Amino acid sequence: MAFRVRSSKFRHVFGNGAKKEQCYDNIKITKNAHDSNYCAVNPKFVAVVTESAGGGAFLLLPLERVKFRIFMSTAAI
């Protein structure tokens, strides 16, 4: 019995990981066990749900300012 692999037009496509200077650092995401979206992205911003008391807090981060360390004192919405 021969198995046949379905051909894909993406089999020769490879990506590169982002460099550290192109990433955000020190973001504490939520540890909530529910299946849900923890981030949302558009061409200008990324929104990330964060771990906080009281629930519902998220960070809104601009994509034009990467290499930006997130501090614990950063205001959450």
Protein backbone atom coordinates (compact mmCIF):
# COMPACT_ATOMS: atom_id res chain seq x y z
CA MET A 1 0.00 0.00 0.00
CA ALA A 2 1.72 3.16 -1.20
CA PHE A 3 1.02 6.45 0.52
CA ARG A 4 0.75 9.42 -1.71
CA VAL A 5 1.75 12.86 -0.47
CA ARG A 6 -0.36 15.70 -1.72
CA SER A 7 1.72 18.26 -3.57
CA SER A 8 1.70 21.80 -2.26
CA LYS A 9 2.72 25.02 -3.93
CA PHE A 10 4.23 26.13 -0.59
CA ARG A 11 6.62 23.22 -0.05
CA HIS A 12 9.70 25.22 -1.05
CA VAL A 13 8.81 28.38 0.89
CA PHE A 14 10.92 29.07 3.97
CA GLY A 15 10.81 31.96 6.41
CA ASN A 16 13.38 33.64 8.61
CA GLY A 17 12.88 34.40 12.28
CA ALA A 18 12.80 38.04 13.33
CA LYS A 19 15.94 39.54 14.81
CA LYS A 20 15.97 40.74 18.41
CA GLU A 21 16.05 44.38 17.35
CA GLN A 22 12.81 43.83 15.42
CA CYS A 23 10.87 42.38 18.39
CA TYR A 24 9.10 43.54 21.52
CA ASP A 25 10.51 42.25 24.80
CA ASN A 26 9.20 41.56 28.33
CA ILE A 27 5.47 41.26 27.57
CA LYS A 28 3.60 39.25 30.20
CA ILE A 29 0.73 37.63 28.30
CA THR A 30 -2.27 36.19 30.07
CA LYS A 31 -2.29 32.67 31.51
CA ASN A 32 -6.02 32.33 31.02
CA ALA A 33 -7.00 28.79 30.08
CA HIS A 34 -9.88 29.78 27.79
CA ASP A 35 -9.51 29.32 24.06
CA SER A 36 -9.46 32.83 22.73
CA ASN A 37 -7.39 35.35 20.81
CA TYR A 38 -4.52 36.79 22.81
CA CYS A 39 -3.48 39.33 20.19
CA ALA A 40 -4.80 41.29 17.25
CA VAL A 41 -2.78 43.04 14.56
CA ASN A 42 -3.44 45.66 11.94
CA PRO A 43 -0.95 47.57 9.74
CA LYS A 44 -0.24 50.16 12.49
CA PHE A 45 -0.68 48.47 15.89
CA VAL A 46 -0.56 45.17 17.76
CA ALA A 47 -2.82 44.57 20.77
CA VAL A 48 -1.83 41.93 23.34
CA VAL A 49 -3.94 40.66 26.25
CA THR A 50 -1.84 40.90 29.42
CA GLU A 51 -1.81 39.21 32.82
CA SER A 52 -3.45 41.57 35.33
CA ALA A 53 -5.70 41.57 38.34
CA GLY A 54 -9.28 42.41 37.48
CA GLY A 55 -9.06 41.06 33.94
CA GLY A 56 -9.61 42.65 30.58
CA ALA A 57 -6.34 44.59 30.37
CA PHE A 58 -4.38 44.77 27.13
CA LEU A 59 -1.43 46.64 25.64
CA LEU A 60 -1.68 48.57 22.40
CA LEU A 61 1.78 48.74 20.83
CA PRO A 62 2.77 50.68 17.68
CA LEU A 63 4.48 48.62 14.98
CA GLU A 64 6.71 51.49 13.84
CA ARG A 65 8.55 51.48 17.21
CA VAL A 66 9.92 47.98 17.52
CA LYS A 67 12.99 47.33 19.66
CA PHE A 68 10.91 48.64 22.49
CA ARG A 69 11.22 47.03 25.93
CA ILE A 70 7.91 46.82 27.74
CA PHE A 71 8.19 47.77 31.41
CA MET A 72 5.82 46.60 34.10
CA SER A 73 4.75 50.23 34.65
CA THR A 74 3.49 50.54 31.05
CA ALA A 75 -0.12 51.68 31.04
CA ALA A 76 -2.62 48.99 30.09
CA ILE A 77 -5.99 49.77 28.56
